[in-house]
Amino acid sequence: MQQGQTFISDCHFTPQTMFIWGPHKQWCKNIVRIDELPDGFNSLMDQKGYYAVKLGEQKHNSKAGKCENLSVHSFWPETKNLIKQVYAQDFAKLDYPPPM
């Protein structure tokens, strides 16, 4: 990311603000926060008239068993600082707390 490879790994590391805001305008008006899933998404689909499109309550992570005890406390301070730098706009514009 810091070397300009913004869309590496199928865009999984791309800051979310790049999908929402362009250089001169905000592209997306309906922002659904990950901590508001599935209710936020389902409400948006209802508002737009897509009543049959819903997210279920069950969350599935195919890799969850690989790093069962992984948390923000697992990262080195250098890694946390890198995350804070690369995703500074995400933390600021989307009002998420940076890793401590």
PDB file of N, CA and C in Angstrom:
ATOM      1  N   MET A   1       0.814  -1.189   0.000  1.00  0.00           N
ATOM      2  CA  MET A   1       0.000   0.000   0.000  1.00  0.00           C
ATOM      3  C   MET A   1       0.863   1.261   0.000  1.00  0.00           C
ATOM      4  N   GLN A   2       1.845   1.298   0.864  1.00  0.00           N
ATOM      5  CA  GLN A   2       2.674   2.492   0.957  1.00  0.00           C
ATOM      6  C   GLN A   2       3.548   2.692  -0.277  1.00  0.00           C
ATOM      7  N   GLN A   3       3.750   1.628  -1.049  1.00  0.00           N
ATOM      8  CA  GLN A   3       4.557   1.729  -2.258  1.00  0.00           C
ATOM      9  C   GLN A   3       3.691   1.959  -3.488  1.00  0.00           C
ATOM     10  N   GLY A   4       2.404   2.291  -3.274  1.00  0.00           N
ATOM     11  CA  GLY A   4       1.532   2.613  -4.388  1.00  0.00           C
ATOM     12  C   GLY A   4       0.754   1.446  -4.967  1.00  0.00           C
ATOM     13  N   GLN A   5       0.864   0.276  -4.375  1.00  0.00           N
ATOM     14  CA  GLN A   5       0.112  -0.889  -4.852  1.00  0.00           C
ATOM     15  C   GLN A   5      -1.239  -0.929  -4.127  1.00  0.00           C
ATOM     16  N   THR A   6      -2.084   0.016  -4.464  1.00  0.00           N
ATOM     17  CA  THR A   6      -3.331   0.244  -3.758  1.00  0.00           C
ATOM     18  C   THR A   6      -4.299  -0.931  -3.825  1.00  0.00           C
ATOM     19  N   PHE A   7      -4.301  -1.643  -4.932  1.00  0.00           N
ATOM     20  CA  PHE A   7      -5.317  -2.670  -5.139  1.00  0.00           C
ATOM     21  C   PHE A   7      -4.746  -4.094  -5.102  1.00  0.00           C
ATOM     22  N   ILE A   8      -3.706  -4.312  -4.300  1.00  0.00           N
ATOM     23  CA  ILE A   8      -3.113  -5.645  -4.178  1.00  0.00           C
ATOM     24  C   ILE A   8      -4.075  -6.600  -3.468  1.00  0.00           C
ATOM     25  N   SER A   9      -3.835  -7.882  -3.630  1.00  0.00           N
ATOM     26  CA  SER A   9      -4.598  -8.935  -2.954  1.00  0.00           C
ATOM     27  C   SER A   9      -6.100  -8.754  -3.130  1.00  0.00           C
ATOM     28  N   ASP A  10      -6.501  -8.542  -4.388  1.00  0.00           N
ATOM     29  CA  ASP A  10      -7.921  -8.442  -4.719  1.00  0.00           C
ATOM     30  C   ASP A  10      -8.607  -7.322  -3.942  1.00  0.00           C
ATOM     31  N   CYS A  11      -7.884  -6.238  -3.700  1.00  0.00           N
ATOM     32  CA  CYS A  11      -8.376  -5.026  -3.024  1.00  0.00           C
ATOM     33  C   CYS A  11      -8.693  -5.234  -1.547  1.00  0.00           C
ATOM     34  N   HIS A  12      -8.236  -6.321  -0.945  1.00  0.00           N
ATOM     35  CA  HIS A  12      -8.554  -6.575   0.462  1.00  0.00           C
ATOM     36  C   HIS A  12      -7.841  -5.624   1.418  1.00  0.00           C
ATOM     37  N   PHE A  13      -6.814  -4.936   0.948  1.00  0.00           N
ATOM     38  CA  PHE A  13      -6.091  -4.006   1.814  1.00  0.00           C
ATOM     39  C   PHE A  13      -6.366  -2.553   1.454  1.00  0.00           C
ATOM     40  N   THR A  14      -7.204  -2.309   0.477  1.00  0.00           N
ATOM     41  CA  THR A  14      -7.523  -0.952   0.039  1.00  0.00           C
ATOM     42  C   THR A  14      -8.306  -0.236   1.131  1.00  0.00           C
ATOM     43  N   PRO A  15      -7.885   0.962   1.529  1.00  0.00           N
ATOM     44  CA  PRO A  15      -8.659   1.701   2.525  1.00  0.00           C
ATOM     45  C   PRO A  15     -10.110   1.902   2.054  1.00  0.00           C
ATOM     46  N   GLN A  16     -11.038   1.718   2.960  1.00  0.00           N
ATOM     47  CA  GLN A  16     -12.457   1.798   2.610  1.00  0.00           C
ATOM     48  C   GLN A  16     -12.859   3.188   2.123  1.00  0.00           C
ATOM     49  N   THR A  17     -12.182   4.213   2.617  1.00  0.00           N
ATOM     50  CA  THR A  17     -12.512   5.567   2.180  1.00  0.00           C
ATOM     51  C   THR A  17     -12.281   5.755   0.680  1.00  0.00           C
ATOM     52  N   MET A  18     -11.406   4.957   0.087  1.00  0.00           N
ATOM     53  CA  MET A  18     -11.168   5.074  -1.351  1.00  0.00           C
ATOM     54  C   MET A  18     -12.371   4.591  -2.163  1.00  0.00           C
ATOM     55  N   PHE A  19     -13.201   3.749  -1.569  1.00  0.00           N
ATOM     56  CA  PHE A  19     -14.412   3.283  -2.237  1.00  0.00           C
ATOM     57  C   PHE A  19     -15.569   4.256  -2.032  1.00  0.00           C
ATOM     58  N   ILE A  20     -15.457   5.130  -1.045  1.00  0.00           N
ATOM     59  CA  ILE A  20     -16.549   6.031  -0.680  1.00  0.00           C
ATOM     60  C   ILE A  20     -16.338   7.437  -1.228  1.00  0.00           C
ATOM     61  N   TRP A  21     -15.126   7.981  -1.069  1.00  0.00           N
ATOM     62  CA  TRP A  21     -14.837   9.352  -1.483  1.00  0.00           C
ATOM     63  C   TRP A  21     -13.853   9.385  -2.642  1.00  0.00           C
ATOM     64  N   GLY A  22     -14.147  10.214  -3.626  1.00  0.00           N
ATOM     65  CA  GLY A  22     -13.216  10.485  -4.709  1.00  0.00           C
ATOM     66  C   GLY A  22     -12.504  11.790  -4.419  1.00  0.00           C
ATOM     67  N   PRO A  23     -11.672  12.267  -5.340  1.00  0.00           N
ATOM     68  CA  PRO A  23     -10.933  13.498  -5.089  1.00  0.00           C
ATOM     69  C   PRO A  23     -11.831  14.727  -4.939  1.00  0.00           C
ATOM     70  N   HIS A  24     -13.010  14.697  -5.570  1.00  0.00           N
ATOM     71  CA  HIS A  24     -13.848  15.889  -5.558  1.00  0.00           C
ATOM     72  C   HIS A  24     -15.272  15.666  -5.085  1.00  0.00           C
ATOM     73  N   LYS A  25     -15.603  14.429  -4.749  1.00  0.00           N
ATOM     74  CA  LYS A  25     -16.962  14.179  -4.270  1.00  0.00           C
ATOM     75  C   LYS A  25     -17.041  12.854  -3.522  1.00  0.00           C
ATOM     76  N   GLN A  26     -18.156  12.692  -2.823  1.00  0.00           N
ATOM     77  CA  GLN A  26     -18.431  11.439  -2.128  1.00  0.00           C
ATOM     78  C   GLN A  26     -19.238  10.566  -3.069  1.00  0.00           C
ATOM     79  N   TRP A  27     -18.702   9.378  -3.386  1.00  0.00           N
ATOM     80  CA  TRP A  27     -19.353   8.467  -4.314  1.00  0.00           C
ATOM     81  C   TRP A  27     -20.534   7.753  -3.672  1.00  0.00           C
ATOM     82  N   CYS A  28     -20.349   7.307  -2.458  1.00  0.00           N
ATOM     83  CA  CYS A  28     -21.387   6.532  -1.771  1.00  0.00           C
ATOM     84  C   CYS A  28     -22.038   7.371  -0.690  1.00  0.00           C
ATOM     85  N   LYS A  29     -23.331   7.351  -0.662  1.00  0.00           N
ATOM     86  CA  LYS A  29     -24.086   8.072   0.373  1.00  0.00           C
ATOM     87  C   LYS A  29     -24.554   7.132   1.473  1.00  0.00           C
ATOM     88  N   ASN A  30     -24.695   5.862   1.145  1.00  0.00           N
ATOM     89  CA  ASN A  30     -25.183   4.871   2.098  1.00  0.00           C
ATOM     90  C   ASN A  30     -24.011   4.035   2.587  1.00  0.00           C
ATOM     91  N   ILE A  31     -23.522   4.360   3.757  1.00  0.00           N
ATOM     92  CA  ILE A  31     -22.375   3.663   4.329  1.00  0.00           C
ATOM     93  C   ILE A  31     -22.874   2.721   5.410  1.00  0.00           C
ATOM     94  N   VAL A  32     -22.605   1.433   5.233  1.00  0.00           N
ATOM     95  CA  VAL A  32     -22.998   0.428   6.209  1.00  0.00           C
ATOM     96  C   VAL A  32     -21.729  -0.026   6.929  1.00  0.00           C
ATOM     97  N   ARG A  33     -21.694   0.241   8.209  1.00  0.00           N
ATOM     98  CA  ARG A  33     -20.527  -0.112   9.010  1.00  0.00           C
ATOM     99  C   ARG A  33     -20.527  -1.608   9.310  1.00  0.00           C
ATOM    100  N   ILE A  34     -19.350  -2.186   9.371  1.00  0.00           N
ATOM    101  CA  ILE A  34     -19.234  -3.620   9.627  1.00  0.00           C
ATOM    102  C   ILE A  34     -19.792  -3.981  11.003  1.00  0.00           C
ATOM    103  N   ASP A  35     -19.682  -3.062  11.959  1.00  0.00           N
ATOM    104  CA  ASP A  35     -20.203  -3.344  13.297  1.00  0.00           C
ATOM    105  C   ASP A  35     -21.723  -3.185  13.373  1.00  0.00           C
ATOM    106  N   GLU A  36     -22.354  -2.810  12.264  1.00  0.00           N
ATOM    107  CA  GLU A  36     -23.814  -2.695  12.203  1.00  0.00           C
ATOM    108  C   GLU A  36     -24.443  -3.792  11.340  1.00  0.00           C
ATOM    109  N   LEU A  37     -23.613  -4.780  10.945  1.00  0.00           N
ATOM    110  CA  LEU A  37     -24.137  -5.888  10.143  1.00  0.00           C
ATOM    111  C   LEU A  37     -24.780  -6.929  11.051  1.00  0.00           C
ATOM    112  N   PRO A  38     -25.792  -7.587  10.610  1.00  0.00           N
ATOM    113  CA  PRO A  38     -26.467  -7.506   9.324  1.00  0.00           C
ATOM    114  C   PRO A  38     -27.586  -6.468   9.265  1.00  0.00           C
ATOM    115  N   ASP A  39     -27.978  -5.913  10.427  1.00  0.00           N
ATOM    116  CA  ASP A  39     -29.144  -5.029  10.483  1.00  0.00           C
ATOM    117  C   ASP A  39     -29.026  -3.805   9.581  1.00  0.00           C
ATOM    118  N   GLY A  40     -27.851  -3.162   9.556  1.00  0.00           N
ATOM    119  CA  GLY A  40     -27.666  -1.981   8.723  1.00  0.00           C
ATOM    120  C   GLY A  40     -27.846  -2.277   7.242  1.00  0.00           C
ATOM    121  N   PHE A  41     -27.309  -3.402   6.808  1.00  0.00           N
ATOM    122  CA  PHE A  41     -27.454  -3.805   5.402  1.00  0.00           C
ATOM    123  C   PHE A  41     -28.904  -4.133   5.082  1.00  0.00           C
ATOM    124  N   ASN A  42     -29.543  -4.897   5.945  1.00  0.00           N
ATOM    125  CA  ASN A  42     -30.928  -5.291   5.703  1.00  0.00           C
ATOM    126  C   ASN A  42     -31.860  -4.082   5.681  1.00  0.00           C
ATOM    127  N   SER A  43     -31.623  -3.111   6.539  1.00  0.00           N
ATOM    128  CA  SER A  43     -32.420  -1.880   6.531  1.00  0.00           C
ATOM    129  C   SER A  43     -32.234  -1.112   5.231  1.00  0.00           C
ATOM    130  N   LEU A  44     -31.008  -1.046   4.749  1.00  0.00           N
ATOM    131  CA  LEU A  44     -30.740  -0.365   3.482  1.00  0.00           C
ATOM    132  C   LEU A  44     -31.449  -1.057   2.328  1.00  0.00           C
ATOM    133  N   MET A  45     -31.409  -2.368   2.302  1.00  0.00           N
ATOM    134  CA  MET A  45     -32.103  -3.104   1.232  1.00  0.00           C
ATOM    135  C   MET A  45     -33.610  -2.839   1.282  1.00  0.00           C
ATOM    136  N   ASP A  46     -34.177  -2.786   2.482  1.00  0.00           N
ATOM    137  CA  ASP A  46     -35.600  -2.464   2.626  1.00  0.00           C
ATOM    138  C   ASP A  46     -35.895  -1.051   2.111  1.00  0.00           C
ATOM    139  N   GLN A  47     -35.045  -0.090   2.479  1.00  0.00           N
ATOM    140  CA  GLN A  47     -35.237   1.299   2.036  1.00  0.00           C
ATOM    141  C   GLN A  47     -35.206   1.410   0.516  1.00  0.00           C
ATOM    142  N   LYS A  48     -34.384   0.602  -0.119  1.00  0.00           N
ATOM    143  CA  LYS A  48     -34.234   0.655  -1.575  1.00  0.00           C
ATOM    144  C   LYS A  48     -35.232  -0.244  -2.298  1.00  0.00           C
ATOM    145  N   GLY A  49     -36.058  -0.973  -1.550  1.00  0.00           N
ATOM    146  CA  GLY A  49     -37.071  -1.825  -2.157  1.00  0.00           C
ATOM    147  C   GLY A  49     -36.606  -3.216  -2.533  1.00  0.00           C
ATOM    148  N   TYR A  50     -35.445  -3.615  -2.060  1.00  0.00           N
ATOM    149  CA  TYR A  50     -34.921  -4.956  -2.338  1.00  0.00           C
ATOM    150  C   TYR A  50     -35.231  -5.871  -1.151  1.00  0.00           C
ATOM    151  N   TYR A  51     -36.501  -6.136  -0.942  1.00  0.00           N
ATOM    152  CA  TYR A  51     -36.957  -6.842   0.251  1.00  0.00           C
ATOM    153  C   TYR A  51     -36.444  -8.275   0.331  1.00  0.00           C
ATOM    154  N   ALA A  52     -36.157  -8.900  -0.786  1.00  0.00           N
ATOM    155  CA  ALA A  52     -35.704 -10.297  -0.789  1.00  0.00           C
ATOM    156  C   ALA A  52     -34.195 -10.426  -0.538  1.00  0.00           C
ATOM    157  N   VAL A  53     -33.468  -9.318  -0.581  1.00  0.00           N
ATOM    158  CA  VAL A  53     -32.012  -9.355  -0.392  1.00  0.00           C
ATOM    159  C   VAL A  53     -31.718  -9.105   1.086  1.00  0.00           C
ATOM    160  N   LYS A  54     -31.219 -10.122   1.767  1.00  0.00           N
ATOM    161  CA  LYS A  54     -30.963 -10.027   3.207  1.00  0.00           C
ATOM    162  C   LYS A  54     -29.674 -10.749   3.562  1.00  0.00           C
ATOM    163  N   LEU A  55     -29.030 -10.263   4.606  1.00  0.00           N
ATOM    164  CA  LEU A  55     -27.920 -10.981   5.224  1.00  0.00           C
ATOM    165  C   LEU A  55     -28.485 -11.728   6.421  1.00  0.00           C
ATOM    166  N   GLY A  56     -28.047 -12.951   6.601  1.00  0.00           N
ATOM    167  CA  GLY A  56     -28.470 -13.724   7.754  1.00  0.00           C
ATOM    168  C   GLY A  56     -27.706 -13.325   9.002  1.00  0.00           C
ATOM    169  N   GLU A  57     -28.159 -13.822  10.112  1.00  0.00           N
ATOM    170  CA  GLU A  57     -27.516 -13.521  11.396  1.00  0.00           C
ATOM    171  C   GLU A  57     -26.192 -14.257  11.569  1.00  0.00           C
ATOM    172  N   GLN A  58     -26.057 -15.417  10.937  1.00  0.00           N
ATOM    173  CA  GLN A  58     -24.869 -16.235  11.117  1.00  0.00           C
ATOM    174  C   GLN A  58     -23.689 -15.645  10.354  1.00  0.00           C
ATOM    175  N   LYS A  59     -22.584 -15.491  11.044  1.00  0.00           N
ATOM    176  CA  LYS A  59     -21.351 -15.007  10.425  1.00  0.00           C
ATOM    177  C   LYS A  59     -20.474 -16.205  10.113  1.00  0.00           C
ATOM    178  N   HIS A  60     -19.833 -16.187   8.952  1.00  0.00           N
ATOM    179  CA  HIS A  60     -18.980 -17.296   8.561  1.00  0.00           C
ATOM    180  C   HIS A  60     -17.634 -16.753   8.104  1.00  0.00           C
ATOM    181  N   ASN A  61     -16.594 -17.236   8.706  1.00  0.00           N
ATOM    182  CA  ASN A  61     -15.233 -16.889   8.326  1.00  0.00           C
ATOM    183  C   ASN A  61     -14.506 -18.201   8.076  1.00  0.00           C
ATOM    184  N   SER A  62     -14.208 -18.466   6.824  1.00  0.00           N
ATOM    185  CA  SER A  62     -13.591 -19.746   6.474  1.00  0.00           C
ATOM    186  C   SER A  62     -12.202 -19.922   7.078  1.00  0.00           C
ATOM    187  N   LYS A  63     -11.578 -18.867   7.523  1.00  0.00           N
ATOM    188  CA  LYS A  63     -10.228 -18.947   8.096  1.00  0.00           C
ATOM    189  C   LYS A  63     -10.222 -18.730   9.608  1.00  0.00           C
ATOM    190  N   ALA A  64     -11.385 -18.685  10.228  1.00  0.00           N
ATOM    191  CA  ALA A  64     -11.473 -18.388  11.658  1.00  0.00           C
ATOM    192  C   ALA A  64     -10.646 -19.344  12.502  1.00  0.00           C
ATOM    193  N   GLY A  65     -10.580 -20.593  12.124  1.00  0.00           N
ATOM    194  CA  GLY A  65      -9.832 -21.578  12.897  1.00  0.00           C
ATOM    195  C   GLY A  65      -8.324 -21.436  12.790  1.00  0.00           C
ATOM    196  N   LYS A  66      -7.850 -20.693  11.818  1.00  0.00           N
ATOM    197  CA  LYS A  66      -6.407 -20.534  11.605  1.00  0.00           C
ATOM    198  C   LYS A  66      -5.765 -19.645  12.664  1.00  0.00           C
ATOM    199  N   CYS A  67      -6.506 -18.648  13.140  1.00  0.00           N
ATOM    200  CA  CYS A  67      -5.959 -17.675  14.093  1.00  0.00           C
ATOM    201  C   CYS A  67      -6.980 -17.409  15.189  1.00  0.00           C
ATOM    202  N   GLU A  68      -7.348 -18.432  15.911  1.00  0.00           N
ATOM    203  CA  GLU A  68      -8.432 -18.339  16.881  1.00  0.00           C
ATOM    204  C   GLU A  68      -8.240 -17.245  17.926  1.00  0.00           C
ATOM    205  N   ASN A  69      -7.036 -17.035  18.364  1.00  0.00           N
ATOM    206  CA  ASN A  69      -6.794 -16.080  19.448  1.00  0.00           C
ATOM    207  C   ASN A  69      -6.234 -14.745  18.951  1.00  0.00           C
ATOM    208  N   LEU A  70      -6.312 -14.501  17.661  1.00  0.00           N
ATOM    209  CA  LEU A  70      -5.782 -13.261  17.108  1.00  0.00           C
ATOM    210  C   LEU A  70      -6.653 -12.080  17.527  1.00  0.00           C
ATOM    211  N   SER A  71      -6.019 -11.042  18.015  1.00  0.00           N
ATOM    212  CA  SER A  71      -6.721  -9.805  18.387  1.00  0.00           C
ATOM    213  C   SER A  71      -5.777  -8.634  18.141  1.00  0.00           C
ATOM    214  N   VAL A  72      -6.261  -7.438  18.388  1.00  0.00           N
ATOM    215  CA  VAL A  72      -5.430  -6.254  18.214  1.00  0.00           C
ATOM    216  C   VAL A  72      -4.203  -6.312  19.129  1.00  0.00           C
ATOM    217  N   HIS A  73      -4.315  -7.019  20.234  1.00  0.00           N
ATOM    218  CA  HIS A  73      -3.198  -7.144  21.175  1.00  0.00           C
ATOM    219  C   HIS A  73      -2.101  -8.077  20.656  1.00  0.00           C
ATOM    220  N   SER A  74      -2.390  -8.817  19.596  1.00  0.00           N
ATOM    221  CA  SER A  74      -1.418  -9.744  19.008  1.00  0.00           C
ATOM    222  C   SER A  74      -0.383  -9.030  18.143  1.00  0.00           C
ATOM    223  N   PHE A  75      -0.654  -7.798  17.737  1.00  0.00           N
ATOM    224  CA  PHE A  75       0.220  -7.085  16.811  1.00  0.00           C
ATOM    225  C   PHE A  75       1.310  -6.319  17.547  1.00  0.00           C
ATOM    226  N   TRP A  76       2.495  -6.269  16.921  1.00  0.00           N
ATOM    227  CA  TRP A  76       3.598  -5.486  17.456  1.00  0.00           C
ATOM    228  C   TRP A  76       3.269  -4.006  17.342  1.00  0.00           C
ATOM    229  N   PRO A  77       3.868  -3.171  18.170  1.00  0.00           N
ATOM    230  CA  PRO A  77       3.637  -1.723  18.080  1.00  0.00           C
ATOM    231  C   PRO A  77       3.950  -1.166  16.683  1.00  0.00           C
ATOM    232  N   GLU A  78       4.993  -1.709  16.036  1.00  0.00           N
ATOM    233  CA  GLU A  78       5.352  -1.246  14.683  1.00  0.00           C
ATOM    234  C   GLU A  78       4.224  -1.553  13.684  1.00  0.00           C
ATOM    235  N   THR A  79       3.604  -2.698  13.838  1.00  0.00           N
ATOM    236  CA  THR A  79       2.506  -3.082  12.954  1.00  0.00           C
ATOM    237  C   THR A  79       1.301  -2.185  13.195  1.00  0.00           C
ATOM    238  N   LYS A  80       0.999  -1.915  14.437  1.00  0.00           N
ATOM    239  CA  LYS A  80      -0.111  -1.014  14.765  1.00  0.00           C
ATOM    240  C   LYS A  80       0.128   0.379  14.194  1.00  0.00           C
ATOM    241  N   ASN A  81       1.360   0.860  14.276  1.00  0.00           N
ATOM    242  CA  ASN A  81       1.677   2.179  13.710  1.00  0.00           C
ATOM    243  C   ASN A  81       1.503   2.189  12.198  1.00  0.00           C
ATOM    244  N   LEU A  82       1.900   1.118  11.543  1.00  0.00           N
ATOM    245  CA  LEU A  82       1.721   1.012  10.097  1.00  0.00           C
ATOM    246  C   LEU A  82       0.231   1.026   9.740  1.00  0.00           C
ATOM    247  N   ILE A  83      -0.561   0.283  10.483  1.00  0.00           N
ATOM    248  CA  ILE A  83      -2.012   0.268  10.255  1.00  0.00           C
ATOM    249  C   ILE A  83      -2.586   1.670  10.447  1.00  0.00           C
ATOM    250  N   LYS A  84      -2.155   2.364  11.485  1.00  0.00           N
ATOM    251  CA  LYS A  84      -2.635   3.727  11.738  1.00  0.00           C
ATOM    252  C   LYS A  84      -2.290   4.658  10.584  1.00  0.00           C
ATOM    253  N   GLN A  85      -1.112   4.497   9.993  1.00  0.00           N
ATOM    254  CA  GLN A  85      -0.699   5.344   8.873  1.00  0.00           C
ATOM    255  C   GLN A  85      -1.490   5.035   7.611  1.00  0.00           C
ATOM    256  N   VAL A  86      -1.525   3.769   7.232  1.00  0.00           N
ATOM    257  CA  VAL A  86      -2.161   3.369   5.969  1.00  0.00           C
ATOM    258  C   VAL A  86      -3.658   3.635   5.996  1.00  0.00           C
ATOM    259  N   TYR A  87      -4.296   3.428   7.142  1.00  0.00           N
ATOM    260  CA  TYR A  87      -5.749   3.557   7.239  1.00  0.00           C
ATOM    261  C   TYR A  87      -6.188   4.790   8.029  1.00  0.00           C
ATOM    262  N   ALA A  88      -5.337   5.808   8.084  1.00  0.00           N
ATOM    263  CA  ALA A  88      -5.645   7.023   8.840  1.00  0.00           C
ATOM    264  C   ALA A  88      -6.969   7.652   8.398  1.00  0.00           C
ATOM    265  N   GLN A  89      -7.221   7.710   7.094  1.00  0.00           N
ATOM    266  CA  GLN A  89      -8.463   8.292   6.602  1.00  0.00           C
ATOM    267  C   GLN A  89      -9.672   7.448   7.007  1.00  0.00           C
ATOM    268  N   ASP A  90      -9.522   6.135   7.003  1.00  0.00           N
ATOM    269  CA  ASP A  90     -10.619   5.265   7.438  1.00  0.00           C
ATOM    270  C   ASP A  90     -10.974   5.556   8.898  1.00  0.00           C
ATOM    271  N   PHE A  91      -9.966   5.622   9.745  1.00  0.00           N
ATOM    272  CA  PHE A  91     -10.226   5.886  11.165  1.00  0.00           C
ATOM    273  C   PHE A  91     -10.871   7.258  11.356  1.00  0.00           C
ATOM    274  N   ALA A  92     -10.385   8.249  10.637  1.00  0.00           N
ATOM    275  CA  ALA A  92     -10.888   9.612  10.807  1.00  0.00           C
ATOM    276  C   ALA A  92     -12.284   9.796  10.210  1.00  0.00           C
ATOM    277  N   LYS A  93     -12.456   9.443   8.956  1.00  0.00           N
ATOM    278  CA  LYS A  93     -13.723   9.715   8.265  1.00  0.00           C
ATOM    279  C   LYS A  93     -14.848   8.761   8.645  1.00  0.00           C
ATOM    280  N   LEU A  94     -14.494   7.542   9.031  1.00  0.00           N
ATOM    281  CA  LEU A  94     -15.524   6.554   9.359  1.00  0.00           C
ATOM    282  C   LEU A  94     -15.685   6.389  10.869  1.00  0.00           C
ATOM    283  N   ASP A  95     -14.957   7.174  11.616  1.00  0.00           N
ATOM    284  CA  ASP A  95     -15.092   7.238  13.076  1.00  0.00           C
ATOM    285  C   ASP A  95     -14.882   5.883  13.754  1.00  0.00           C
ATOM    286  N   TYR A  96     -13.807   5.208  13.345  1.00  0.00           N
ATOM    287  CA  TYR A  96     -13.388   3.981  14.026  1.00  0.00           C
ATOM    288  C   TYR A  96     -12.156   4.313  14.861  1.00  0.00           C
ATOM    289  N   PRO A  97     -12.019   3.706  16.026  1.00  0.00           N
ATOM    290  CA  PRO A  97     -10.811   3.971  16.824  1.00  0.00           C
ATOM    291  C   PRO A  97      -9.619   3.228  16.226  1.00  0.00           C
ATOM    292  N   PRO A  98      -8.457   3.875  16.130  1.00  0.00           N
ATOM    293  CA  PRO A  98      -7.264   3.169  15.656  1.00  0.00           C
ATOM    294  C   PRO A  98      -6.828   2.133  16.690  1.00  0.00           C
ATOM    295  N   PRO A  99      -6.043   1.129  16.255  1.00  0.00           N
ATOM    296  CA  PRO A  99      -5.597   0.108  17.214  1.00  0.00           C
ATOM    297  C   PRO A  99      -4.705   0.719  18.279  1.00  0.00           C
ATOM    298  N   MET A 100      -4.898   0.266  19.495  1.00  0.00           N
ATOM    299  CA  MET A 100      -4.106   0.772  20.624  1.00  0.00           C
ATOM    300  C   MET A 100      -2.947  -0.157  20.909  1.00  0.00           C
TER     301      MET A 100
END
